[in-house]
């Protein structure tokens, strides 16, 4: 991810990036996402404060997780999240500003191994679910 100023963002909101992170984690958990990993990007990237990576069992579930997350963020915080990849739903990126979410099908996630680029050396991912 590039490091640089966050241009085009709205004025400070009535919620923190931690509030959005909590809502993201609750949403993907509610929708039965698997192998949920959160990565703290503060001090490592100016693009976002947190990244969440999770998996859905099928393209249909990946798309549903992403769509429900987008709806919940809009409903709770007024965030209009940008979404990429929902058409094929192999890998959907949801950019909510301070929290970036990647929802993968398991085999696509394994291929790209995105979290290996961001997790600190020696970090352990949660058990496969």
N, C-alpha and C. Protein backbone atom coordinates (compact mmCIF):
# COMPACT_ATOMS: atom_id res chain seq x y z
N UNK A 1 0.84 -1.17 0.00
CA UNK A 1 0.00 0.00 0.00
C UNK A 1 0.89 1.24 0.00
N UNK A 2 0.49 2.22 -0.77
CA UNK A 2 1.29 3.44 -0.79
C UNK A 2 1.18 4.19 0.53
N UNK A 3 2.23 4.92 0.83
CA UNK A 3 2.23 5.76 2.02
C UNK A 3 2.18 7.20 1.55
N UNK A 4 1.21 7.93 2.01
CA UNK A 4 1.05 9.31 1.61
C UNK A 4 -0.14 9.91 2.31
N UNK A 5 -0.39 11.19 2.10
CA UNK A 5 -1.51 11.83 2.78
C UNK A 5 -2.85 11.28 2.33
N UNK A 6 -3.79 11.29 3.23
CA UNK A 6 -5.15 10.84 2.93
C UNK A 6 -5.93 12.00 2.34
N UNK A 7 -5.87 12.15 1.06
CA UNK A 7 -6.58 13.25 0.41
C UNK A 7 -8.03 12.90 0.17
N UNK A 8 -8.84 13.92 0.09
CA UNK A 8 -10.25 13.71 -0.23
C UNK A 8 -11.09 13.17 0.90
N UNK A 9 -10.57 13.11 2.10
CA UNK A 9 -11.33 12.60 3.23
C UNK A 9 -12.14 13.73 3.84
N UNK A 10 -13.26 13.38 4.38
CA UNK A 10 -14.14 14.36 5.01
C UNK A 10 -13.51 14.89 6.30
N UNK A 11 -14.10 15.92 6.83
CA UNK A 11 -13.66 16.50 8.10
C UNK A 11 -13.76 15.44 9.20
N UNK A 12 -13.05 15.64 10.31
CA UNK A 12 -13.11 14.66 11.41
C UNK A 12 -14.55 14.33 11.79
N UNK A 13 -14.77 13.05 12.02
CA UNK A 13 -16.12 12.56 12.30
C UNK A 13 -16.32 12.37 13.80
N UNK A 14 -17.53 11.97 14.14
CA UNK A 14 -17.89 11.72 15.54
C UNK A 14 -17.53 10.30 15.97
N UNK A 15 -16.69 9.64 15.23
CA UNK A 15 -16.29 8.28 15.55
C UNK A 15 -14.80 8.14 15.25
N UNK A 16 -14.18 7.16 15.86
CA UNK A 16 -12.75 6.93 15.66
C UNK A 16 -12.53 5.74 14.72
N UNK A 17 -11.30 5.58 14.29
CA UNK A 17 -10.98 4.42 13.46
C UNK A 17 -11.19 3.13 14.25
N UNK A 18 -11.01 3.19 15.57
CA UNK A 18 -11.25 2.00 16.41
C UNK A 18 -12.74 1.65 16.44
N UNK A 19 -13.61 2.67 16.42
CA UNK A 19 -15.06 2.42 16.35
C UNK A 19 -15.41 1.71 15.05
N UNK A 20 -14.83 2.18 13.95
CA UNK A 20 -15.09 1.56 12.65
C UNK A 20 -14.52 0.14 12.63
N UNK A 21 -13.32 -0.05 13.16
CA UNK A 21 -12.72 -1.38 13.24
C UNK A 21 -13.62 -2.33 14.01
N UNK A 22 -14.12 -1.90 15.16
CA UNK A 22 -15.01 -2.75 15.96
C UNK A 22 -16.26 -3.13 15.17
N UNK A 23 -16.82 -2.18 14.44
CA UNK A 23 -18.02 -2.44 13.64
C UNK A 23 -17.71 -3.41 12.50
N UNK A 24 -16.54 -3.24 11.86
CA UNK A 24 -16.13 -4.15 10.78
C UNK A 24 -15.98 -5.57 11.33
N UNK A 25 -15.27 -5.71 12.44
CA UNK A 25 -15.05 -7.04 13.01
C UNK A 25 -16.37 -7.70 13.41
N UNK A 26 -17.27 -6.93 13.99
CA UNK A 26 -18.59 -7.48 14.36
C UNK A 26 -19.37 -7.90 13.13
N UNK A 27 -19.33 -7.08 12.09
CA UNK A 27 -20.08 -7.37 10.87
C UNK A 27 -19.59 -8.65 10.19
N UNK A 28 -18.28 -8.76 9.98
CA UNK A 28 -17.78 -9.95 9.29
C UNK A 28 -17.98 -11.20 10.14
N UNK A 29 -17.89 -11.05 11.47
CA UNK A 29 -18.15 -12.19 12.35
C UNK A 29 -19.61 -12.60 12.29
N UNK A 30 -20.52 -11.63 12.30
CA UNK A 30 -21.95 -11.92 12.20
C UNK A 30 -22.29 -12.68 10.92
N UNK A 31 -21.55 -12.37 9.85
CA UNK A 31 -21.82 -13.00 8.56
C UNK A 31 -20.98 -14.26 8.33
N UNK A 32 -20.41 -14.77 9.40
CA UNK A 32 -19.69 -16.06 9.41
C UNK A 32 -18.44 -16.06 8.54
N UNK A 33 -17.75 -14.91 8.46
CA UNK A 33 -16.45 -14.90 7.79
C UNK A 33 -15.50 -15.78 8.59
N UNK A 34 -14.52 -16.32 7.91
CA UNK A 34 -13.57 -17.23 8.55
C UNK A 34 -12.17 -16.62 8.56
N UNK A 35 -11.34 -17.09 9.47
CA UNK A 35 -9.94 -16.73 9.56
C UNK A 35 -9.76 -15.20 9.51
N UNK A 36 -10.41 -14.52 10.44
CA UNK A 36 -10.39 -13.05 10.49
C UNK A 36 -9.08 -12.58 11.11
N UNK A 37 -8.38 -11.71 10.40
CA UNK A 37 -7.11 -11.17 10.86
C UNK A 37 -7.21 -9.65 10.82
N UNK A 38 -6.81 -8.99 11.90
CA UNK A 38 -6.75 -7.53 11.88
C UNK A 38 -5.29 -7.12 11.99
N UNK A 39 -4.92 -6.10 11.22
CA UNK A 39 -3.54 -5.64 11.17
C UNK A 39 -3.52 -4.15 11.46
N UNK A 40 -2.74 -3.75 12.44
CA UNK A 40 -2.60 -2.35 12.82
C UNK A 40 -1.60 -1.70 11.86
N UNK A 41 -2.06 -0.72 11.10
CA UNK A 41 -1.21 -0.04 10.12
C UNK A 41 -0.72 1.31 10.62
N UNK A 42 -1.15 1.72 11.82
CA UNK A 42 -0.75 3.03 12.33
C UNK A 42 0.77 3.09 12.43
N UNK A 43 1.34 4.15 11.87
CA UNK A 43 2.77 4.31 11.86
C UNK A 43 3.48 3.55 10.75
N UNK A 44 2.73 2.72 10.02
CA UNK A 44 3.31 1.94 8.93
C UNK A 44 2.77 2.37 7.58
N UNK A 45 1.61 3.01 7.57
CA UNK A 45 0.99 3.46 6.33
C UNK A 45 0.10 4.65 6.62
N UNK A 46 0.09 5.60 5.72
CA UNK A 46 -0.80 6.75 5.86
C UNK A 46 -2.13 6.52 5.15
N UNK A 47 -2.28 5.39 4.49
CA UNK A 47 -3.49 5.09 3.74
C UNK A 47 -4.65 4.76 4.67
N UNK A 48 -4.38 4.01 5.73
CA UNK A 48 -5.43 3.58 6.66
C UNK A 48 -4.79 3.27 8.01
N UNK A 49 -5.64 3.19 9.03
CA UNK A 49 -5.16 2.84 10.37
C UNK A 49 -5.16 1.33 10.60
N UNK A 50 -6.11 0.64 9.97
CA UNK A 50 -6.25 -0.80 10.17
C UNK A 50 -6.59 -1.49 8.86
N UNK A 51 -6.19 -2.75 8.78
CA UNK A 51 -6.58 -3.62 7.68
C UNK A 51 -7.20 -4.87 8.30
N UNK A 52 -8.29 -5.32 7.71
CA UNK A 52 -8.92 -6.57 8.14
C UNK A 52 -8.95 -7.49 6.93
N UNK A 53 -8.51 -8.72 7.14
CA UNK A 53 -8.52 -9.73 6.09
C UNK A 53 -9.33 -10.91 6.60
N UNK A 54 -10.25 -11.40 5.77
CA UNK A 54 -11.06 -12.54 6.16
C UNK A 54 -11.44 -13.33 4.91
N UNK A 55 -12.04 -14.48 5.14
CA UNK A 55 -12.44 -15.35 4.03
C UNK A 55 -13.91 -15.71 4.12
N UNK A 56 -14.49 -15.93 2.95
CA UNK A 56 -15.83 -16.50 2.83
C UNK A 56 -15.67 -17.84 2.14
N UNK A 57 -16.60 -18.75 2.35
CA UNK A 57 -16.47 -20.10 1.80
C UNK A 57 -16.75 -20.17 0.30
N UNK A 58 -17.45 -19.19 -0.25
CA UNK A 58 -17.82 -19.21 -1.67
C UNK A 58 -17.89 -17.77 -2.18
N UNK A 59 -17.94 -17.62 -3.48
CA UNK A 59 -18.09 -16.29 -4.07
C UNK A 59 -19.37 -15.62 -3.58
N UNK A 60 -20.42 -16.38 -3.44
CA UNK A 60 -21.68 -15.83 -2.96
C UNK A 60 -21.54 -15.28 -1.54
N UNK A 61 -20.87 -16.03 -0.66
CA UNK A 61 -20.68 -15.55 0.71
C UNK A 61 -19.74 -14.36 0.75
N UNK A 62 -18.68 -14.35 -0.05
CA UNK A 62 -17.76 -13.22 -0.11
C UNK A 62 -18.52 -11.95 -0.49
N UNK A 63 -19.35 -12.04 -1.52
CA UNK A 63 -20.13 -10.88 -1.96
C UNK A 63 -21.11 -10.43 -0.88
N UNK A 64 -21.74 -11.38 -0.20
CA UNK A 64 -22.72 -11.05 0.85
C UNK A 64 -22.03 -10.39 2.04
N UNK A 65 -20.88 -10.90 2.45
CA UNK A 65 -20.13 -10.30 3.56
C UNK A 65 -19.80 -8.85 3.22
N UNK A 66 -19.30 -8.62 2.01
CA UNK A 66 -18.91 -7.27 1.58
C UNK A 66 -20.11 -6.34 1.51
N UNK A 67 -21.20 -6.81 0.94
CA UNK A 67 -22.39 -5.96 0.78
C UNK A 67 -22.99 -5.59 2.13
N UNK A 68 -23.11 -6.57 3.03
CA UNK A 68 -23.67 -6.28 4.35
C UNK A 68 -22.77 -5.33 5.13
N UNK A 69 -21.46 -5.50 5.02
CA UNK A 69 -20.52 -4.61 5.69
C UNK A 69 -20.71 -3.19 5.19
N UNK A 70 -20.79 -3.03 3.90
CA UNK A 70 -20.98 -1.70 3.31
C UNK A 70 -22.28 -1.06 3.81
N UNK A 71 -23.35 -1.84 3.84
CA UNK A 71 -24.65 -1.34 4.33
C UNK A 71 -24.57 -0.93 5.80
N UNK A 72 -23.92 -1.76 6.60
CA UNK A 72 -23.84 -1.48 8.04
C UNK A 72 -22.99 -0.24 8.32
N UNK A 73 -21.90 -0.05 7.58
CA UNK A 73 -21.07 1.13 7.77
C UNK A 73 -21.82 2.41 7.38
N UNK A 74 -22.60 2.31 6.33
CA UNK A 74 -23.39 3.47 5.91
C UNK A 74 -24.46 3.79 6.94
N UNK A 75 -25.13 2.74 7.42
CA UNK A 75 -26.20 2.91 8.41
C UNK A 75 -25.69 3.48 9.73
N UNK A 76 -24.58 2.94 10.21
CA UNK A 76 -24.08 3.32 11.55
C UNK A 76 -23.28 4.61 11.56
N UNK A 77 -22.42 4.80 10.54
CA UNK A 77 -21.50 5.93 10.56
C UNK A 77 -21.71 6.92 9.41
N UNK A 78 -22.55 6.57 8.45
CA UNK A 78 -22.71 7.41 7.27
C UNK A 78 -21.55 7.27 6.30
N UNK A 79 -20.77 6.21 6.44
CA UNK A 79 -19.61 5.99 5.57
C UNK A 79 -20.08 5.35 4.27
N UNK A 80 -19.72 5.98 3.17
CA UNK A 80 -19.97 5.39 1.85
C UNK A 80 -18.65 4.70 1.45
N UNK A 81 -18.58 3.42 1.70
CA UNK A 81 -17.35 2.67 1.43
C UNK A 81 -17.20 2.42 -0.06
N UNK A 82 -15.97 2.53 -0.53
CA UNK A 82 -15.66 2.17 -1.92
C UNK A 82 -15.42 0.68 -1.96
N UNK A 83 -15.94 0.02 -3.01
CA UNK A 83 -15.83 -1.43 -3.09
C UNK A 83 -15.32 -1.82 -4.48
N UNK A 84 -14.40 -2.74 -4.52
CA UNK A 84 -13.85 -3.27 -5.76
C UNK A 84 -13.90 -4.79 -5.72
N UNK A 85 -14.24 -5.41 -6.86
CA UNK A 85 -14.17 -6.86 -6.99
C UNK A 85 -15.44 -7.61 -6.70
N UNK A 86 -16.53 -6.90 -6.41
CA UNK A 86 -17.76 -7.60 -6.04
C UNK A 86 -18.36 -8.38 -7.21
N UNK A 87 -18.05 -7.98 -8.43
CA UNK A 87 -18.63 -8.65 -9.60
C UNK A 87 -18.23 -10.13 -9.65
N UNK A 88 -16.94 -10.41 -9.42
CA UNK A 88 -16.49 -11.81 -9.45
C UNK A 88 -16.47 -12.42 -8.05
N UNK A 89 -16.29 -11.58 -7.03
CA UNK A 89 -16.32 -11.97 -5.61
C UNK A 89 -15.30 -13.05 -5.27
N UNK A 90 -14.16 -13.02 -5.94
CA UNK A 90 -13.04 -13.86 -5.52
C UNK A 90 -12.26 -13.14 -4.42
N UNK A 91 -12.17 -11.81 -4.57
CA UNK A 91 -11.45 -10.94 -3.64
C UNK A 91 -12.16 -9.60 -3.70
N UNK A 92 -12.81 -9.21 -2.62
CA UNK A 92 -13.50 -7.92 -2.57
C UNK A 92 -12.76 -7.03 -1.59
N UNK A 93 -12.45 -5.82 -2.07
CA UNK A 93 -11.80 -4.80 -1.25
C UNK A 93 -12.86 -3.78 -0.87
N UNK A 94 -12.97 -3.50 0.42
CA UNK A 94 -13.89 -2.48 0.93
C UNK A 94 -13.04 -1.43 1.62
N UNK A 95 -13.06 -0.21 1.08
CA UNK A 95 -12.28 0.90 1.63
C UNK A 95 -13.24 1.82 2.37
N UNK A 96 -13.17 1.78 3.70
CA UNK A 96 -14.05 2.62 4.51
C UNK A 96 -13.31 3.86 5.02
N UNK A 97 -12.14 4.10 4.47
CA UNK A 97 -11.34 5.24 4.92
C UNK A 97 -10.25 4.78 5.85
N UNK A 98 -10.52 4.75 7.14
CA UNK A 98 -9.51 4.38 8.13
C UNK A 98 -9.33 2.87 8.29
N UNK A 99 -10.27 2.10 7.77
CA UNK A 99 -10.18 0.64 7.85
C UNK A 99 -10.40 0.07 6.45
N UNK A 100 -9.43 -0.69 5.99
CA UNK A 100 -9.52 -1.34 4.69
C UNK A 100 -9.78 -2.82 4.94
N UNK A 101 -10.76 -3.37 4.23
CA UNK A 101 -11.16 -4.75 4.45
C UNK A 101 -10.99 -5.54 3.16
N UNK A 102 -10.37 -6.71 3.28
CA UNK A 102 -10.21 -7.63 2.16
C UNK A 102 -11.00 -8.89 2.50
N UNK A 103 -11.92 -9.27 1.64
CA UNK A 103 -12.69 -10.51 1.82
C UNK A 103 -12.34 -11.42 0.64
N UNK A 104 -11.80 -12.58 0.95
CA UNK A 104 -11.32 -13.51 -0.07
C UNK A 104 -12.09 -14.82 -0.06
N UNK A 105 -12.08 -15.52 -1.20
CA UNK A 105 -12.32 -16.96 -1.20
C UNK A 105 -11.01 -17.57 -0.71
N UNK A 106 -11.05 -18.67 0.04
CA UNK A 106 -9.82 -19.21 0.67
C UNK A 106 -8.67 -19.47 -0.30
N UNK A 107 -8.96 -20.04 -1.46
CA UNK A 107 -7.86 -20.37 -2.39
C UNK A 107 -7.23 -19.11 -2.99
N UNK A 108 -8.00 -18.06 -3.16
CA UNK A 108 -7.46 -16.80 -3.66
C UNK A 108 -6.61 -16.14 -2.57
N UNK A 109 -7.09 -16.20 -1.34
CA UNK A 109 -6.33 -15.65 -0.22
C UNK A 109 -4.99 -16.37 -0.07
N UNK A 110 -5.01 -17.66 -0.18
CA UNK A 110 -3.77 -18.44 -0.07
C UNK A 110 -2.80 -18.08 -1.18
N UNK A 111 -3.31 -17.86 -2.38
CA UNK A 111 -2.46 -17.50 -3.51
C UNK A 111 -1.75 -16.17 -3.29
N UNK A 112 -2.49 -15.14 -2.86
CA UNK A 112 -1.92 -13.80 -2.71
C UNK A 112 -1.17 -13.60 -1.38
N UNK A 113 -1.54 -14.32 -0.34
CA UNK A 113 -0.88 -14.24 0.96
C UNK A 113 -0.64 -12.79 1.39
N UNK A 114 -1.68 -11.99 1.28
CA UNK A 114 -1.60 -10.56 1.55
C UNK A 114 -1.12 -10.26 2.97
N UNK A 115 -1.60 -11.01 3.94
CA UNK A 115 -1.22 -10.70 5.32
C UNK A 115 0.26 -10.91 5.60
N UNK A 116 0.93 -11.74 4.83
CA UNK A 116 2.36 -11.94 5.02
C UNK A 116 3.14 -10.65 4.79
N UNK A 117 2.62 -9.77 3.94
CA UNK A 117 3.29 -8.50 3.68
C UNK A 117 3.14 -7.53 4.84
N UNK A 118 2.10 -7.71 5.66
CA UNK A 118 1.78 -6.71 6.68
C UNK A 118 1.93 -7.19 8.10
N UNK A 119 1.82 -8.48 8.35
CA UNK A 119 1.96 -8.97 9.72
C UNK A 119 3.42 -8.87 10.16
N UNK A 120 3.65 -8.49 11.41
CA UNK A 120 5.04 -8.43 11.90
C UNK A 120 5.68 -9.81 11.87
N UNK A 121 6.99 -9.85 11.75
CA UNK A 121 7.71 -11.11 11.75
C UNK A 121 7.39 -11.88 13.02
N UNK A 122 7.12 -13.16 12.86
CA UNK A 122 6.83 -14.00 14.02
C UNK A 122 5.39 -13.96 14.48
N UNK A 123 4.55 -13.11 13.83
CA UNK A 123 3.13 -13.04 14.23
C UNK A 123 2.43 -14.33 13.82
N UNK A 124 1.45 -14.69 14.60
CA UNK A 124 0.71 -15.92 14.34
C UNK A 124 -0.72 -15.56 14.01
N UNK A 125 -1.21 -16.11 12.91
CA UNK A 125 -2.61 -15.92 12.55
C UNK A 125 -3.46 -16.84 13.41
N UNK A 126 -4.72 -16.45 13.55
CA UNK A 126 -5.65 -17.29 14.30
C UNK A 126 -5.85 -18.62 13.61
N UNK A 127 -6.46 -19.58 14.29
CA UNK A 127 -6.68 -20.90 13.70
C UNK A 127 -7.60 -20.81 12.49
N UNK A 128 -7.37 -21.66 11.54
CA UNK A 128 -8.26 -21.73 10.36
C UNK A 128 -9.63 -22.11 10.85
N UNK A 129 -10.66 -21.37 10.36
CA UNK A 129 -12.00 -21.66 10.86
C UNK A 129 -12.87 -22.13 9.88
